[in-house]
Amino acid sequence: MPGSTKAMAWLTIGGLLLVTAYTVAMGSNGWLWFSWVVLMLTTIGALVAQRPSG
């Protein structure tokens, strides 16, 4: 896994922790969850694109 994809994966995990903490402390915010889902899907796309074919 290249460095940029690895960093993106860690950012996604960190984002999940932050959004979850915000939800527990302040209540749910749909835009935060929507943004996290978009980040997660982008990360998955990057991981799939980096997978060696064959």
N, C-alpha and C. Protein backbone atom coordinates (compact mmCIF):
# COMPACT_ATOMS: atom_id res chain seq x y z
N MET A 1 0.86 -1.17 0.00
CA MET A 1 0.00 0.00 0.00
C MET A 1 0.91 1.24 0.00
N PRO A 2 0.77 2.08 -1.02
CA PRO A 2 1.59 3.30 -1.08
C PRO A 2 1.30 4.24 0.09
N GLY A 3 2.24 5.15 0.34
CA GLY A 3 2.12 6.04 1.48
C GLY A 3 0.87 6.89 1.48
N SER A 4 0.49 7.42 0.31
CA SER A 4 -0.68 8.30 0.27
C SER A 4 -1.97 7.53 0.56
N THR A 5 -2.06 6.31 0.07
CA THR A 5 -3.26 5.50 0.33
C THR A 5 -3.31 5.09 1.80
N LYS A 6 -2.14 4.78 2.36
CA LYS A 6 -2.09 4.42 3.78
C LYS A 6 -2.50 5.61 4.65
N ALA A 7 -2.02 6.79 4.30
CA ALA A 7 -2.39 7.99 5.05
C ALA A 7 -3.89 8.26 4.93
N MET A 8 -4.44 8.02 3.75
CA MET A 8 -5.88 8.23 3.55
C MET A 8 -6.69 7.25 4.40
N ALA A 9 -6.21 6.01 4.51
CA ALA A 9 -6.90 5.02 5.34
C ALA A 9 -6.88 5.44 6.80
N TRP A 10 -5.73 5.93 7.28
CA TRP A 10 -5.64 6.39 8.68
C TRP A 10 -6.52 7.62 8.90
N LEU A 11 -6.59 8.50 7.92
CA LEU A 11 -7.45 9.68 8.02
C LEU A 11 -8.92 9.26 8.12
N THR A 12 -9.29 8.23 7.37
CA THR A 12 -10.67 7.74 7.41
C THR A 12 -10.99 7.17 8.79
N ILE A 13 -10.06 6.40 9.35
CA ILE A 13 -10.28 5.83 10.68
C ILE A 13 -10.36 6.95 11.73
N GLY A 14 -9.45 7.91 11.63
CA GLY A 14 -9.47 9.05 12.55
C GLY A 14 -10.75 9.86 12.41
N GLY A 15 -11.21 10.02 11.18
CA GLY A 15 -12.47 10.73 10.94
C GLY A 15 -13.64 10.03 11.58
N LEU A 16 -13.65 8.69 11.49
CA LEU A 16 -14.73 7.92 12.13
C LEU A 16 -14.73 8.15 13.63
N LEU A 17 -13.55 8.13 14.23
CA LEU A 17 -13.47 8.37 15.67
C LEU A 17 -13.95 9.77 16.04
N LEU A 18 -13.56 10.77 15.26
CA LEU A 18 -13.99 12.14 15.54
C LEU A 18 -15.49 12.32 15.37
N VAL A 19 -16.04 11.78 14.29
CA VAL A 19 -17.49 11.93 14.05
C VAL A 19 -18.27 11.20 15.14
N THR A 20 -17.78 10.03 15.55
CA THR A 20 -18.45 9.29 16.61
C THR A 20 -18.40 10.07 17.93
N ALA A 21 -17.24 10.63 18.25
CA ALA A 21 -17.11 11.42 19.48
C ALA A 21 -18.03 12.65 19.44
N TYR A 22 -18.11 13.31 18.29
CA TYR A 22 -18.99 14.47 18.16
C TYR A 22 -20.44 14.05 18.36
N THR A 23 -20.82 12.92 17.77
CA THR A 23 -22.19 12.44 17.90
C THR A 23 -22.53 12.14 19.35
N VAL A 24 -21.62 11.54 20.08
CA VAL A 24 -21.86 11.23 21.49
C VAL A 24 -21.98 12.51 22.30
N ALA A 25 -21.11 13.49 22.03
CA ALA A 25 -21.07 14.71 22.84
C ALA A 25 -22.17 15.71 22.47
N MET A 26 -22.42 15.89 21.19
CA MET A 26 -23.29 16.97 20.74
C MET A 26 -24.58 16.52 20.06
N GLY A 27 -24.67 15.25 19.73
CA GLY A 27 -25.83 14.77 18.99
C GLY A 27 -25.47 14.56 17.53
N SER A 28 -26.30 13.84 16.85
CA SER A 28 -26.02 13.45 15.47
C SER A 28 -26.06 14.63 14.52
N ASN A 29 -25.16 14.62 13.57
CA ASN A 29 -25.12 15.62 12.51
C ASN A 29 -25.01 14.87 11.19
N GLY A 30 -26.07 14.89 10.41
CA GLY A 30 -26.13 14.14 9.16
C GLY A 30 -25.04 14.51 8.17
N TRP A 31 -24.67 15.79 8.12
CA TRP A 31 -23.64 16.22 7.18
C TRP A 31 -22.28 15.65 7.54
N LEU A 32 -21.98 15.53 8.83
CA LEU A 32 -20.71 14.92 9.23
C LEU A 32 -20.66 13.45 8.81
N TRP A 33 -21.75 12.73 9.04
CA TRP A 33 -21.78 11.33 8.66
C TRP A 33 -21.73 11.18 7.15
N PHE A 34 -22.44 12.03 6.42
CA PHE A 34 -22.39 11.99 4.96
C PHE A 34 -20.97 12.22 4.47
N SER A 35 -20.29 13.20 5.05
CA SER A 35 -18.90 13.49 4.65
C SER A 35 -17.98 12.32 4.95
N TRP A 36 -18.20 11.66 6.09
CA TRP A 36 -17.37 10.52 6.42
C TRP A 36 -17.61 9.37 5.45
N VAL A 37 -18.86 9.14 5.08
CA VAL A 37 -19.16 8.07 4.12
C VAL A 37 -18.50 8.35 2.77
N VAL A 38 -18.53 9.61 2.33
CA VAL A 38 -17.86 9.97 1.08
C VAL A 38 -16.36 9.71 1.19
N LEU A 39 -15.75 10.08 2.32
CA LEU A 39 -14.33 9.83 2.55
C LEU A 39 -14.04 8.33 2.55
N MET A 40 -14.90 7.54 3.19
CA MET A 40 -14.71 6.10 3.23
C MET A 40 -14.79 5.49 1.83
N LEU A 41 -15.77 5.91 1.04
CA LEU A 41 -15.91 5.37 -0.31
C LEU A 41 -14.72 5.77 -1.19
N THR A 42 -14.22 6.98 -1.01
CA THR A 42 -13.04 7.42 -1.75
C THR A 42 -11.83 6.59 -1.36
N THR A 43 -11.68 6.31 -0.08
CA THR A 43 -10.56 5.49 0.39
C THR A 43 -10.65 4.08 -0.17
N ILE A 44 -11.84 3.51 -0.15
CA ILE A 44 -12.03 2.17 -0.71
C ILE A 44 -11.68 2.17 -2.20
N GLY A 45 -12.11 3.20 -2.91
CA GLY A 45 -11.77 3.31 -4.33
C GLY A 45 -10.27 3.38 -4.56
N ALA A 46 -9.56 4.13 -3.71
CA ALA A 46 -8.11 4.23 -3.83
C ALA A 46 -7.44 2.89 -3.54
N LEU A 47 -7.95 2.18 -2.54
CA LEU A 47 -7.39 0.87 -2.21
C LEU A 47 -7.61 -0.12 -3.35
N VAL A 48 -8.79 -0.11 -3.94
CA VAL A 48 -9.08 -1.01 -5.06
C VAL A 48 -8.21 -0.67 -6.27
N ALA A 49 -8.02 0.60 -6.52
CA ALA A 49 -7.20 1.03 -7.65
C ALA A 49 -5.74 0.63 -7.47
N GLN A 50 -5.26 0.53 -6.22
CA GLN A 50 -3.87 0.18 -5.95
C GLN A 50 -3.64 -1.33 -5.94
N ARG A 51 -4.74 -2.11 -5.89
CA ARG A 51 -4.59 -3.56 -5.84
C ARG A 51 -3.97 -4.07 -7.13
N PRO A 52 -2.95 -4.90 -7.05
CA PRO A 52 -2.33 -5.41 -8.28
C PRO A 52 -3.29 -6.32 -9.03
N SER A 53 -3.34 -6.17 -10.33
CA SER A 53 -4.22 -7.01 -11.12
C SER A 53 -3.47 -8.28 -11.51
N GLY A 54 -4.22 -9.35 -11.57
CA GLY A 54 -3.57 -10.58 -11.99
C GLY A 54 -3.93 -11.66 -11.13
